[in-house]
Structure formats: C-alpha cells, structure tokens
PDB file of N, CA and C in Angstrom:
ATOM      1  N   MET A   1     -11.268  19.111   6.914  1.00  0.00           N
ATOM      2  CA  MET A   1     -12.435  18.493   7.528  1.00  0.00           C
ATOM      3  C   MET A   1     -12.182  18.334   9.025  1.00  0.00           C
ATOM      4  N   SER A   2     -13.250  18.403   9.780  1.00  0.00           N
ATOM      5  CA  SER A   2     -13.134  18.199  11.221  1.00  0.00           C
ATOM      6  C   SER A   2     -12.997  16.700  11.512  1.00  0.00           C
ATOM      7  N   LYS A   3     -12.607  16.381  12.724  1.00  0.00           N
ATOM      8  CA  LYS A   3     -12.476  14.968  13.107  1.00  0.00           C
ATOM      9  C   LYS A   3     -13.824  14.255  13.005  1.00  0.00           C
ATOM     10  N   ASP A   4     -14.908  14.940  13.382  1.00  0.00           N
ATOM     11  CA  ASP A   4     -16.243  14.336  13.285  1.00  0.00           C
ATOM     12  C   ASP A   4     -16.636  14.081  11.833  1.00  0.00           C
ATOM     13  N   GLU A   5     -16.277  15.016  10.929  1.00  0.00           N
ATOM     14  CA  GLU A   5     -16.575  14.827   9.515  1.00  0.00           C
ATOM     15  C   GLU A   5     -15.789  13.653   8.930  1.00  0.00           C
ATOM     16  N   ILE A   6     -14.527  13.534   9.314  1.00  0.00           N
ATOM     17  CA  ILE A   6     -13.700  12.413   8.848  1.00  0.00           C
ATOM     18  C   ILE A   6     -14.293  11.098   9.337  1.00  0.00           C
ATOM     19  N   THR A   7     -14.651  11.048  10.609  1.00  0.00           N
ATOM     20  CA  THR A   7     -15.232   9.832  11.186  1.00  0.00           C
ATOM     21  C   THR A   7     -16.533   9.469  10.479  1.00  0.00           C
ATOM     22  N   ALA A   8     -17.378  10.448  10.203  1.00  0.00           N
ATOM     23  CA  ALA A   8     -18.654  10.191   9.522  1.00  0.00           C
ATOM     24  C   ALA A   8     -18.421   9.645   8.122  1.00  0.00           C
ATOM     25  N   ARG A   9     -17.436  10.180   7.412  1.00  0.00           N
ATOM     26  CA  ARG A   9     -17.139   9.695   6.058  1.00  0.00           C
ATOM     27  C   ARG A   9     -16.629   8.255   6.073  1.00  0.00           C
ATOM     28  N   VAL A  10     -15.738   7.961   7.000  1.00  0.00           N
ATOM     29  CA  VAL A  10     -15.201   6.602   7.092  1.00  0.00           C
ATOM     30  C   VAL A  10     -16.317   5.633   7.475  1.00  0.00           C
ATOM     31  N   LEU A  11     -17.159   6.027   8.411  1.00  0.00           N
ATOM     32  CA  LEU A  11     -18.276   5.169   8.801  1.00  0.00           C
ATOM     33  C   LEU A  11     -19.216   4.916   7.622  1.00  0.00           C
ATOM     34  N   ALA A  12     -19.447   5.930   6.796  1.00  0.00           N
ATOM     35  CA  ALA A  12     -20.291   5.742   5.608  1.00  0.00           C
ATOM     36  C   ALA A  12     -19.660   4.723   4.659  1.00  0.00           C
ATOM     37  N   ASP A  13     -18.341   4.778   4.497  1.00  0.00           N
ATOM     38  CA  ASP A  13     -17.652   3.805   3.638  1.00  0.00           C
ATOM     39  C   ASP A  13     -17.759   2.394   4.215  1.00  0.00           C
ATOM     40  N   ILE A  14     -17.606   2.275   5.526  1.00  0.00           N
ATOM     41  CA  ILE A  14     -17.716   0.962   6.170  1.00  0.00           C
ATOM     42  C   ILE A  14     -19.133   0.425   6.015  1.00  0.00           C
ATOM     43  N   ALA A  15     -20.128   1.294   6.210  1.00  0.00           N
ATOM     44  CA  ALA A  15     -21.533   0.872   6.078  1.00  0.00           C
ATOM     45  C   ALA A  15     -21.838   0.444   4.648  1.00  0.00           C
ATOM     46  N   TRP A  16     -21.199   1.088   3.664  1.00  0.00           N
ATOM     47  CA  TRP A  16     -21.393   0.675   2.270  1.00  0.00           C
ATOM     48  C   TRP A  16     -20.830  -0.731   2.054  1.00  0.00           C
ATOM     49  N   ALA A  17     -19.643  -0.983   2.626  1.00  0.00           N
ATOM     50  CA  ALA A  17     -18.978  -2.268   2.427  1.00  0.00           C
ATOM     51  C   ALA A  17     -19.608  -3.369   3.259  1.00  0.00           C
ATOM     52  N   ILE A  18     -20.099  -3.020   4.437  1.00  0.00           N
ATOM     53  CA  ILE A  18     -20.702  -4.009   5.345  1.00  0.00           C
ATOM     54  C   ILE A  18     -22.077  -3.484   5.749  1.00  0.00           C
ATOM     55  N   PRO A  19     -23.109  -3.808   4.968  1.00  0.00           N
ATOM     56  CA  PRO A  19     -24.452  -3.292   5.258  1.00  0.00           C
ATOM     57  C   PRO A  19     -24.892  -3.620   6.685  1.00  0.00           C
ATOM     58  N   GLY A  20     -25.553  -2.657   7.291  1.00  0.00           N
ATOM     59  CA  GLY A  20     -26.059  -2.856   8.647  1.00  0.00           C
ATOM     60  C   GLY A  20     -25.172  -2.282   9.729  1.00  0.00           C
ATOM     61  N   VAL A  21     -23.948  -1.916   9.399  1.00  0.00           N
ATOM     62  CA  VAL A  21     -23.053  -1.321  10.393  1.00  0.00           C
ATOM     63  C   VAL A  21     -23.534   0.091  10.694  1.00  0.00           C
ATOM     64  N   THR A  22     -23.603   0.426  11.979  1.00  0.00           N
ATOM     65  CA  THR A  22     -24.008   1.768  12.394  1.00  0.00           C
ATOM     66  C   THR A  22     -22.968   2.343  13.346  1.00  0.00           C
ATOM     67  N   ARG A  23     -23.172   3.584  13.717  1.00  0.00           N
ATOM     68  CA  ARG A  23     -22.272   4.273  14.662  1.00  0.00           C
ATOM     69  C   ARG A  23     -22.174   3.495  15.974  1.00  0.00           C
ATOM     70  N   ASP A  24     -23.269   2.831  16.360  1.00  0.00           N
ATOM     71  CA  ASP A  24     -23.285   2.067  17.611  1.00  0.00           C
ATOM     72  C   ASP A  24     -22.322   0.877  17.588  1.00  0.00           C
ATOM     73  N   ASP A  25     -21.939   0.429  16.394  1.00  0.00           N
ATOM     74  CA  ASP A  25     -21.019  -0.701  16.264  1.00  0.00           C
ATOM     75  C   ASP A  25     -19.562  -0.293  16.453  1.00  0.00           C
ATOM     76  N   ILE A  26     -19.291   0.996  16.465  1.00  0.00           N
ATOM     77  CA  ILE A  26     -17.921   1.503  16.576  1.00  0.00           C
ATOM     78  C   ILE A  26     -17.618   1.807  18.038  1.00  0.00           C
ATOM     79  N   ALA A  27     -16.636   1.119  18.609  1.00  0.00           N
ATOM     80  CA  ALA A  27     -16.279   1.329  20.010  1.00  0.00           C
ATOM     81  C   ALA A  27     -15.643   2.700  20.221  1.00  0.00           C
ATOM     82  N   TRP A  28     -14.762   3.090  19.334  1.00  0.00           N
ATOM     83  CA  TRP A  28     -14.132   4.409  19.379  1.00  0.00           C
ATOM     84  C   TRP A  28     -13.480   4.684  18.041  1.00  0.00           C
ATOM     85  N   SER A  29     -13.186   5.926  17.805  1.00  0.00           N
ATOM     86  CA  SER A  29     -12.504   6.295  16.565  1.00  0.00           C
ATOM     87  C   SER A  29     -11.637   7.518  16.820  1.00  0.00           C
ATOM     88  N   ARG A  30     -10.585   7.611  16.019  1.00  0.00           N
ATOM     89  CA  ARG A  30      -9.701   8.771  16.102  1.00  0.00           C
ATOM     90  C   ARG A  30      -8.977   8.922  14.772  1.00  0.00           C
ATOM     91  N   PRO A  31      -9.310   9.950  14.025  1.00  0.00           N
ATOM     92  CA  PRO A  31      -8.562  10.179  12.782  1.00  0.00           C
ATOM     93  C   PRO A  31      -7.096  10.488  13.095  1.00  0.00           C
ATOM     94  N   VAL A  32      -6.211   9.908  12.330  1.00  0.00           N
ATOM     95  CA  VAL A  32      -4.780  10.159  12.503  1.00  0.00           C
ATOM     96  C   VAL A  32      -4.328  11.015  11.326  1.00  0.00           C
ATOM     97  N   LEU A  33      -3.800  12.167  11.623  1.00  0.00           N
ATOM     98  CA  LEU A  33      -3.351  13.089  10.591  1.00  0.00           C
ATOM     99  C   LEU A  33      -1.830  13.117  10.599  1.00  0.00           C
ATOM    100  N   GLU A  34      -1.250  12.812   9.464  1.00  0.00           N
ATOM    101  CA  GLU A  34       0.211  12.778   9.341  1.00  0.00           C
ATOM    102  C   GLU A  34       0.631  13.848   8.348  1.00  0.00           C
ATOM    103  N   LYS A  35       1.308  14.864   8.833  1.00  0.00           N
ATOM    104  CA  LYS A  35       1.718  15.991   7.992  1.00  0.00           C
ATOM    105  C   LYS A  35       2.692  15.580   6.901  1.00  0.00           C
ATOM    106  N   ARG A  36       3.472  14.551   7.155  1.00  0.00           N
ATOM    107  CA  ARG A  36       4.478  14.123   6.174  1.00  0.00           C
ATOM    108  C   ARG A  36       3.983  13.009   5.263  1.00  0.00           C
ATOM    109  N   ALA A  37       2.684  12.746   5.243  1.00  0.00           N
ATOM    110  CA  ALA A  37       2.148  11.622   4.468  1.00  0.00           C
ATOM    111  C   ALA A  37       2.008  11.920   2.977  1.00  0.00           C
ATOM    112  N   THR A  38       2.078  13.170   2.582  1.00  0.00           N
ATOM    113  CA  THR A  38       1.925  13.519   1.172  1.00  0.00           C
ATOM    114  C   THR A  38       3.237  13.304   0.435  1.00  0.00           C
ATOM    115  N   PHE A  39       3.165  12.531  -0.629  1.00  0.00           N
ATOM    116  CA  PHE A  39       4.348  12.210  -1.422  1.00  0.00           C
ATOM    117  C   PHE A  39       4.723  13.399  -2.296  1.00  0.00           C
ATOM    118  N   ALA A  40       5.978  13.747  -2.314  1.00  0.00           N
ATOM    119  CA  ALA A  40       6.481  14.808  -3.186  1.00  0.00           C
ATOM    120  C   ALA A  40       7.537  14.208  -4.097  1.00  0.00           C
ATOM    121  N   SER A  41       7.164  13.978  -5.343  1.00  0.00           N
ATOM    122  CA  SER A  41       8.105  13.416  -6.295  1.00  0.00           C
ATOM    123  C   SER A  41       9.051  14.500  -6.786  1.00  0.00           C
ATOM    124  N   THR A  42      10.305  14.169  -6.863  1.00  0.00           N
ATOM    125  CA  THR A  42      11.292  15.116  -7.368  1.00  0.00           C
ATOM    126  C   THR A  42      11.999  14.484  -8.559  1.00  0.00           C
ATOM    127  N   PRO A  43      12.476  15.311  -9.484  1.00  0.00           N
ATOM    128  CA  PRO A  43      13.176  14.757 -10.650  1.00  0.00           C
ATOM    129  C   PRO A  43      14.359  13.889 -10.216  1.00  0.00           C
ATOM    130  N   GLY A  44      14.466  12.731 -10.823  1.00  0.00           N
ATOM    131  CA  GLY A  44      15.593  11.846 -10.561  1.00  0.00           C
ATOM    132  C   GLY A  44      15.436  10.905  -9.385  1.00  0.00           C
ATOM    133  N   ILE A  45      14.311  10.968  -8.661  1.00  0.00           N
ATOM    134  CA  ILE A  45      14.146  10.132  -7.462  1.00  0.00           C
ATOM    135  C   ILE A  45      14.171   8.641  -7.797  1.00  0.00           C
ATOM    136  N   ASP A  46      13.599   8.274  -8.952  1.00  0.00           N
ATOM    137  CA  ASP A  46      13.560   6.849  -9.302  1.00  0.00           C
ATOM    138  C   ASP A  46      14.951   6.269  -9.527  1.00  0.00           C
ATOM    139  N   ALA A  47      15.906   7.097  -9.879  1.00  0.00           N
ATOM    140  CA  ALA A  47      17.269   6.610 -10.122  1.00  0.00           C
ATOM    141  C   ALA A  47      17.935   6.108  -8.845  1.00  0.00           C
ATOM    142  N   ILE A  48      17.453   6.539  -7.681  1.00  0.00           N
ATOM    143  CA  ILE A  48      18.094   6.108  -6.430  1.00  0.00           C
ATOM    144  C   ILE A  48      17.228   5.159  -5.609  1.00  0.00           C
ATOM    145  N   ARG A  49      16.071   4.773  -6.128  1.00  0.00           N
ATOM    146  CA  ARG A  49      15.208   3.821  -5.410  1.00  0.00           C
ATOM    147  C   ARG A  49      15.644   2.397  -5.763  1.00  0.00           C
ATOM    148  N   PRO A  50      16.106   1.606  -4.784  1.00  0.00           N
ATOM    149  CA  PRO A  50      16.572   0.240  -5.073  1.00  0.00           C
ATOM    150  C   PRO A  50      15.412  -0.702  -5.362  1.00  0.00           C
ATOM    151  N   ARG A  51      15.668  -1.729  -6.145  1.00  0.00           N
ATOM    152  CA  ARG A  51      14.669  -2.769  -6.408  1.00  0.00           C
ATOM    153  C   ARG A  51      14.664  -3.786  -5.272  1.00  0.00           C
ATOM    154  N   ALA A  52      13.655  -4.627  -5.286  1.00  0.00           N
ATOM    155  CA  ALA A  52      13.526  -5.661  -4.259  1.00  0.00           C
ATOM    156  C   ALA A  52      14.698  -6.628  -4.293  1.00  0.00           C
ATOM    157  N   ARG A  53      15.216  -6.864  -5.494  1.00  0.00           N
ATOM    158  CA  ARG A  53      16.281  -7.855  -5.662  1.00  0.00           C
ATOM    159  C   ARG A  53      17.361  -7.296  -6.573  1.00  0.00           C
ATOM    160  N   VAL A  54      18.588  -7.595  -6.274  1.00  0.00           N
ATOM    161  CA  VAL A  54      19.714  -7.159  -7.104  1.00  0.00           C
ATOM    162  C   VAL A  54      19.863  -8.109  -8.275  1.00  0.00           C
ATOM    163  N   GLU A  55      19.934  -7.585  -9.469  1.00  0.00           N
ATOM    164  CA  GLU A  55      20.122  -8.397 -10.666  1.00  0.00           C
ATOM    165  C   GLU A  55      21.577  -8.321 -11.106  1.00  0.00           C
ATOM    166  N   ALA A  56      22.033  -9.312 -11.871  1.00  0.00           N
ATOM    167  CA  ALA A  56      23.397  -9.289 -12.399  1.00  0.00           C
ATOM    168  C   ALA A  56      23.580  -8.046 -13.256  1.00  0.00           C
ATOM    169  N   GLY A  57      24.662  -7.351 -13.062  1.00  0.00           N
ATOM    170  CA  GLY A  57      24.944  -6.142 -13.831  1.00  0.00           C
ATOM    171  C   GLY A  57      24.099  -4.952 -13.422  1.00  0.00           C
ATOM    172  N   ASP A  58      23.483  -5.033 -12.263  1.00  0.00           N
ATOM    173  CA  ASP A  58      22.621  -3.970 -11.767  1.00  0.00           C
ATOM    174  C   ASP A  58      23.437  -2.709 -11.522  1.00  0.00           C
ATOM    175  N   LEU A  59      23.050  -1.619 -12.154  1.00  0.00           N
ATOM    176  CA  LEU A  59      23.780  -0.370 -11.994  1.00  0.00           C
ATOM    177  C   LEU A  59      23.499   0.304 -10.655  1.00  0.00           C
ATOM    178  N   LYS A  60      22.431  -0.110  -9.976  1.00  0.00           N
ATOM    179  CA  LYS A  60      22.102   0.487  -8.688  1.00  0.00           C
ATOM    180  C   LYS A  60      22.880  -0.155  -7.544  1.00  0.00           C
ATOM    181  N   GLY A  61      23.652  -1.170  -7.840  1.00  0.00           N
ATOM    182  CA  GLY A  61      24.415  -1.839  -6.787  1.00  0.00           C
ATOM    183  C   GLY A  61      23.524  -2.696  -5.925  1.00  0.00           C
ATOM    184  N   GLY A  62      24.001  -3.083  -4.763  1.00  0.00           N
ATOM    185  CA  GLY A  62      23.206  -3.897  -3.862  1.00  0.00           C
ATOM    186  C   GLY A  62      23.993  -5.076  -3.342  1.00  0.00           C
ATOM    187  N   VAL A  63      23.317  -5.917  -2.598  1.00  0.00           N
ATOM    188  CA  VAL A  63      23.930  -7.073  -1.968  1.00  0.00           C
ATOM    189  C   VAL A  63      23.198  -8.326  -2.437  1.00  0.00           C
ATOM    190  N   ALA A  64      23.949  -9.290  -2.938  1.00  0.00           N
ATOM    191  CA  ALA A  64      23.338 -10.547  -3.382  1.00  0.00           C
ATOM    192  C   ALA A  64      22.626 -11.213  -2.206  1.00  0.00           C
ATOM    193  N   ASN A  65      21.487 -11.819  -2.482  1.00  0.00           N
ATOM    194  CA  ASN A  65      20.702 -12.550  -1.491  1.00  0.00           C
ATOM    195  C   ASN A  65      20.112 -11.643  -0.410  1.00  0.00           C
ATOM    196  N   LEU A  66      19.979 -10.346  -0.709  1.00  0.00           N
ATOM    197  CA  LEU A  66      19.315  -9.400   0.187  1.00  0.00           C
ATOM    198  C   LEU A  66      18.074  -8.903  -0.533  1.00  0.00           C
ATOM    199  N   PHE A  67      16.914  -9.034   0.089  1.00  0.00           N
ATOM    200  CA  PHE A  67      15.649  -8.655  -0.518  1.00  0.00           C
ATOM    201  C   PHE A  67      15.067  -7.486   0.252  1.00  0.00           C
ATOM    202  N   LEU A  68      14.665  -6.451  -0.470  1.00  0.00           N
ATOM    203  CA  LEU A  68      14.194  -5.220   0.151  1.00  0.00           C
ATOM    204  C   LEU A  68      12.698  -5.024  -0.051  1.00  0.00           C
ATOM    205  N   ALA A  69      12.055  -4.429   0.930  1.00  0.00           N
ATOM    206  CA  ALA A  69      10.650  -4.049   0.817  1.00  0.00           C
ATOM    207  C   ALA A  69      10.464  -2.737   1.551  1.00  0.00           C
ATOM    208  N   GLY A  70       9.604  -1.924   1.045  1.00  0.00           N
ATOM    209  CA  GLY A  70       9.292  -0.642   1.676  1.00  0.00           C
ATOM    210  C   GLY A  70       8.832   0.349   0.637  1.00  0.00           C
ATOM    211  N   GLU A  71       8.109   1.352   1.081  1.00  0.00           N
ATOM    212  CA  GLU A  71       7.579   2.334   0.149  1.00  0.00           C
ATOM    213  C   GLU A  71       8.680   3.087  -0.581  1.00  0.00           C
ATOM    214  N   TRP A  72       9.873   3.088  -0.050  1.00  0.00           N
ATOM    215  CA  TRP A  72      11.008   3.806  -0.626  1.00  0.00           C
ATOM    216  C   TRP A  72      11.706   3.018  -1.731  1.00  0.00           C
ATOM    217  N   THR A  73      11.333   1.743  -1.930  1.00  0.00           N
ATOM    218  CA  THR A  73      11.977   0.935  -2.973  1.00  0.00           C
ATOM    219  C   THR A  73      11.351   1.220  -4.336  1.00  0.00           C
ATOM    220  N   ASP A  74      11.982   0.721  -5.381  1.00  0.00           N
ATOM    221  CA  ASP A  74      11.525   0.941  -6.751  1.00  0.00           C
ATOM    222  C   ASP A  74      10.393  -0.025  -7.065  1.00  0.00           C
ATOM    223  N   THR A  75       9.167   0.433  -6.904  1.00  0.00           N
ATOM    224  CA  THR A  75       7.989  -0.399  -7.137  1.00  0.00           C
ATOM    225  C   THR A  75       7.286  -0.041  -8.431  1.00  0.00           C
ATOM    226  N   GLY A  76       7.694   1.051  -9.042  1.00  0.00           N
ATOM    227  CA  GLY A  76       6.967   1.558 -10.193  1.00  0.00           C
ATOM    228  C   GLY A  76       5.786   2.418  -9.765  1.00  0.00           C
ATOM    229  N   TRP A  77       5.595   2.525  -8.462  1.00  0.00           N
ATOM    230  CA  TRP A  77       4.532   3.350  -7.886  1.00  0.00           C
ATOM    231  C   TRP A  77       5.173   4.427  -7.026  1.00  0.00           C
ATOM    232  N   PRO A  78       4.435   5.487  -6.707  1.00  0.00           N
ATOM    233  CA  PRO A  78       4.982   6.508  -5.805  1.00  0.00           C
ATOM    234  C   PRO A  78       5.239   5.934  -4.413  1.00  0.00           C
ATOM    235  N   SER A  79       5.927   6.685  -3.606  1.00  0.00           N
ATOM    236  CA  SER A  79       6.231   6.304  -2.232  1.00  0.00           C
ATOM    237  C   SER A  79       4.976   6.479  -1.376  1.00  0.00           C
ATOM    238  N   THR A  80       4.087   5.494  -1.462  1.00  0.00           N
ATOM    239  CA  THR A  80       2.798   5.533  -0.770  1.00  0.00           C
ATOM    240  C   THR A  80       2.553   4.193  -0.085  1.00  0.00           C
ATOM    241  N   MET A  81       1.424   4.098   0.630  1.00  0.00           N
ATOM    242  CA  MET A  81       1.078   2.817   1.257  1.00  0.00           C
ATOM    243  C   MET A  81       0.862   1.743   0.198  1.00  0.00           C
ATOM    244  N   GLU A  82       0.273   2.136  -0.938  1.00  0.00           N
ATOM    245  CA  GLU A  82       0.063   1.177  -2.018  1.00  0.00           C
ATOM    246  C   GLU A  82       1.401   0.694  -2.567  1.00  0.00           C
ATOM    247  N   GLY A  83       2.350   1.623  -2.709  1.00  0.00           N
ATOM    248  CA  GLY A  83       3.687   1.260  -3.159  1.00  0.00           C
ATOM    249  C   GLY A  83       4.365   0.334  -2.169  1.00  0.00           C
ATOM    250  N   ALA A  84       4.144   0.573  -0.879  1.00  0.00           N
ATOM    251  CA  ALA A  84       4.727  -0.291   0.156  1.00  0.00           C
ATOM    252  C   ALA A  84       4.160  -1.704   0.063  1.00  0.00           C
ATOM    253  N   ALA A  85       2.845  -1.811  -0.141  1.00  0.00           N
ATOM    254  CA  ALA A  85       2.227  -3.134  -0.270  1.00  0.00           C
ATOM    255  C   ALA A  85       2.785  -3.868  -1.488  1.00  0.00           C
ATOM    256  N   ARG A  86       2.909  -3.155  -2.599  1.00  0.00           N
ATOM    257  CA  ARG A  86       3.455  -3.772  -3.806  1.00  0.00           C
ATOM    258  C   ARG A  86       4.911  -4.177  -3.614  1.00  0.00           C
ATOM    259  N   SER A  87       5.651  -3.411  -2.831  1.00  0.00           N
ATOM    260  CA  SER A  87       7.046  -3.776  -2.593  1.00  0.00           C
ATOM    261  C   SER A  87       7.138  -5.070  -1.800  1.00  0.00           C
ATOM    262  N   GLY A  88       6.184  -5.298  -0.904  1.00  0.00           N
ATOM    263  CA  GLY A  88       6.153  -6.556  -0.166  1.00  0.00           C
ATOM    264  C   GLY A  88       5.927  -7.741  -1.083  1.00  0.00           C
ATOM    265  N   PHE A  89       4.991  -7.591  -2.028  1.00  0.00           N
ATOM    266  CA  PHE A  89       4.765  -8.639  -3.027  1.00  0.00           C
ATOM    267  C   PHE A  89       6.030  -8.877  -3.850  1.00  0.00           C
ATOM    268  N   ALA A  90       6.680  -7.781  -4.269  1.00  0.00           N
ATOM    269  CA  ALA A  90       7.882  -7.906  -5.099  1.00  0.00           C
ATOM    270  C   ALA A  90       9.013  -8.584  -4.328  1.00  0.00           C
ATOM    271  N   ALA A  91       9.185  -8.241  -3.052  1.00  0.00           N
ATOM    272  CA  ALA A  91      10.238  -8.860  -2.249  1.00  0.00           C
ATOM    273  C   ALA A  91       9.951 -10.343  -2.033  1.00  0.00           C
ATOM    274  N   ALA A  92       8.686 -10.683  -1.766  1.00  0.00           N
ATOM    275  CA  ALA A  92       8.317 -12.091  -1.575  1.00  0.00           C
ATOM    276  C   ALA A  92       8.549 -12.877  -2.860  1.00  0.00           C
ATOM    277  N   ALA A  93       8.189 -12.277  -3.994  1.00  0.00           N
ATOM    278  CA  ALA A  93       8.397 -12.949  -5.279  1.00  0.00           C
ATOM    279  C   ALA A  93       9.881 -13.128  -5.555  1.00  0.00           C
ATOM    280  N   ALA A  94      10.683 -12.112  -5.258  1.00  0.00           N
ATOM    281  CA  ALA A  94      12.128 -12.205  -5.485  1.00  0.00           C
ATOM    282  C   ALA A  94      12.743 -13.277  -4.585  1.00  0.00           C
ATOM    283  N   CYS A  95      12.269 -13.362  -3.357  1.00  0.00           N
ATOM    284  CA  CYS A  95      12.814 -14.316  -2.389  1.00  0.00           C
ATOM    285  C   CYS A  95      12.433 -15.761  -2.725  1.00  0.00           C
ATOM    286  N   THR A  96      11.191 -15.947  -3.144  1.00  0.00           N
ATOM    287  CA  THR A  96      10.711 -17.308  -3.399  1.00  0.00           C
ATOM    288  C   THR A  96      10.863 -17.743  -4.850  1.00  0.00           C
ATOM    289  N   GLY A  97      11.061 -16.768  -5.740  1.00  0.00           N
ATOM    290  CA  GLY A  97      11.168 -17.086  -7.157  1.00  0.00           C
ATOM    291  C   GLY A  97       9.838 -17.343  -7.818  1.00  0.00           C
ATOM    292  N   SER A  98       8.754 -16.981  -7.149  1.00  0.00           N
ATOM    293  CA  SER A  98       7.433 -17.162  -7.744  1.00  0.00           C
ATOM    294  C   SER A  98       6.514 -16.048  -7.285  1.00  0.00           C
ATOM    295  N   GLY A  99       5.335 -16.025  -7.850  1.00  0.00           N
ATOM    296  CA  GLY A  99       4.340 -15.041  -7.425  1.00  0.00           C
ATOM    297  C   GLY A  99       4.633 -13.669  -7.972  1.00  0.00           C
ATOM    298  N   GLY A 100       4.292 -12.686  -7.222  1.00  0.00           N
ATOM    299  CA  GLY A 100       4.482 -11.311  -7.640  1.00  0.00           C
ATOM    300  C   GLY A 100       3.278 -10.489  -7.253  1.00  0.00           C
ATOM    301  N   VAL A 101       3.180  -9.334  -7.846  1.00  0.00           N
ATOM    302  CA  VAL A 101       2.085  -8.427  -7.533  1.00  0.00           C
ATOM    303  C   VAL A 101       0.792  -8.990  -8.100  1.00  0.00           C
ATOM    304  N   ALA A 102      -0.230  -9.042  -7.258  1.00  0.00           N
ATOM    305  CA  ALA A 102      -1.543  -9.517  -7.703  1.00  0.00           C
ATOM    306  C   ALA A 102      -2.116  -8.558  -8.728  1.00  0.00           C
ATOM    307  N   ALA A 103      -2.916  -9.080  -9.632  1.00  0.00           N
ATOM    308  CA  ALA A 103      -3.568  -8.234 -10.632  1.00  0.00           C
ATOM    309  C   ALA A 103      -4.432  -7.196  -9.918  1.00  0.00           C
ATOM    310  N   ASP A 104      -4.515  -6.022 -10.495  1.00  0.00           N
ATOM    311  CA  ASP A 104      -5.331  -4.967  -9.893  1.00  0.00           C
ATOM    312  C   ASP A 104      -6.800  -5.363  -9.900  1.00  0.00           C
ATOM    313  N   LEU A 105      -7.460  -5.101  -8.794  1.00  0.00           N
ATOM    314  CA  LEU A 105      -8.894  -5.329  -8.679  1.00  0.00           C
ATOM    315  C   LEU A 105      -9.556  -4.019  -8.294  1.00  0.00           C
ATOM    316  N   PRO A 106     -10.682  -3.691  -8.912  1.00  0.00           N
ATOM    317  CA  PRO A 106     -11.399  -2.498  -8.458  1.00  0.00           C
ATOM    318  C   PRO A 106     -11.785  -2.685  -6.997  1.00  0.00           C
ATOM    319  N   ALA A 107     -11.722  -1.632  -6.217  1.00  0.00           N
ATOM    320  CA  ALA A 107     -11.996  -1.726  -4.774  1.00  0.00           C
ATOM    321  C   ALA A 107     -13.358  -2.336  -4.490  1.00  0.00           C
ATOM    322  N   ALA A 108     -14.383  -1.938  -5.225  1.00  0.00           N
ATOM    323  CA  ALA A 108     -15.722  -2.452  -4.961  1.00  0.00           C
ATOM    324  C   ALA A 108     -15.779  -3.969  -5.139  1.00  0.00           C
ATOM    325  N   SER A 109     -15.142  -4.479  -6.169  1.00  0.00           N
ATOM    326  CA  SER A 109     -15.142  -5.933  -6.390  1.00  0.00           C
ATOM    327  C   SER A 109     -14.416  -6.650  -5.274  1.00  0.00           C
ATOM    328  N   LEU A 110     -13.314  -6.071  -4.816  1.00  0.00           N
ATOM    329  CA  LEU A 110     -12.542  -6.682  -3.744  1.00  0.00           C
ATOM    330  C   LEU A 110     -13.354  -6.726  -2.451  1.00  0.00           C
ATOM    331  N   VAL A 111     -14.029  -5.644  -2.132  1.00  0.00           N
ATOM    332  CA  VAL A 111     -14.844  -5.606  -0.918  1.00  0.00           C
ATOM    333  C   VAL A 111     -15.968  -6.629  -0.998  1.00  0.00           C
ATOM    334  N   ARG A 112     -16.622  -6.703  -2.146  1.00  0.00           N
ATOM    335  CA  ARG A 112     -17.714  -7.682  -2.290  1.00  0.00           C
ATOM    336  C   ARG A 112     -17.206  -9.112  -2.164  1.00  0.00           C
ATOM    337  N   LEU A 113     -16.017  -9.372  -2.701  1.00  0.00           N
ATOM    338  CA  LEU A 113     -15.417 -10.694  -2.583  1.00  0.00           C
ATOM    339  C   LEU A 113     -15.119 -11.010  -1.125  1.00  0.00           C
ATOM    340  N   ALA A 114     -14.563 -10.045  -0.387  1.00  0.00           N
ATOM    341  CA  ALA A 114     -14.219 -10.246   1.024  1.00  0.00           C
ATOM    342  C   ALA A 114     -15.474 -10.524   1.859  1.00  0.00           C
ATOM    343  N   ARG A 115     -16.583  -9.893   1.503  1.00  0.00           N
ATOM    344  CA  ARG A 115     -17.822 -10.109   2.253  1.00  0.00           C
ATOM    345  C   ARG A 115     -18.341 -11.527   2.071  1.00  0.00           C
ATOM    346  N   CYS A 116     -17.988 -12.166   0.969  1.00  0.00           N
ATOM    347  CA  CYS A 116     -18.477 -13.521   0.688  1.00  0.00           C
ATOM    348  C   CYS A 116     -17.656 -14.586   1.404  1.00  0.00           C
ATOM    349  N   LEU A 117     -16.491 -14.228   1.906  1.00  0.00           N
ATOM    350  CA  LEU A 117     -15.612 -15.221   2.534  1.00  0.00           C
ATOM    351  C   LEU A 117     -16.027 -15.537   3.938  1.00  0.00           C
TER     352      LEU A 117
END
C-alpha cells in the first residue's frame, strides 16, 4: 500500500472509534515501515525465552529478585507488541505479587469503553 493509502485506512479506523474526526483534525501523519517487524518463529525458540520471574528450580536459570519485561520474554505470545505489553503486566505482577494480565477484551468494546471515560 502507498503511504496515502495507509494514512486513509488509519484515519478511517480513528473516525470509526471517534465519530466526527476528519482529515482536517490530523496535523500530520507518516506511516512508519519496519522491515524487521515481522515475527519469525523458529523451532525451539520458547525454550530460550526467559520468564518475567525466576521460580525455584527453574531450568532456565536467572537471577533472584530480577524481573524481566520485553517482547523477547516468555509471555505465551509471539514476539510482538502485544507480547511486549503482556510481558509488562507479567513483570508487574511478579514484582508486586498481585495482578497480572488483564482479561482479553474485544477491540470494539475497549474502544467504546474508552470513549465513555
């Protein structure tokens, strides 16, 4: 897709989520294309992804009282932005001893909830 096509699609999504938004409301835009953004899973990769917290008898090793977050950690999700967000929840939960990953919400419900706040 061209940069103009990408911008038009994103603007359509924003207008769906926030009715009344038009092109005139956007000061500027620039699609960012990252060639290395596509995740390539390889056999055995999960065996070397560390968890947020080291458990007793953990075969992956680690350092006690060290909490990890990042898309490269063992989140149960691929190495993506979503996996990175979940790793942050997991690290916070490991550090505080409470909380954890929020229940999944369909995107449309989440957007509608955010509009009400």
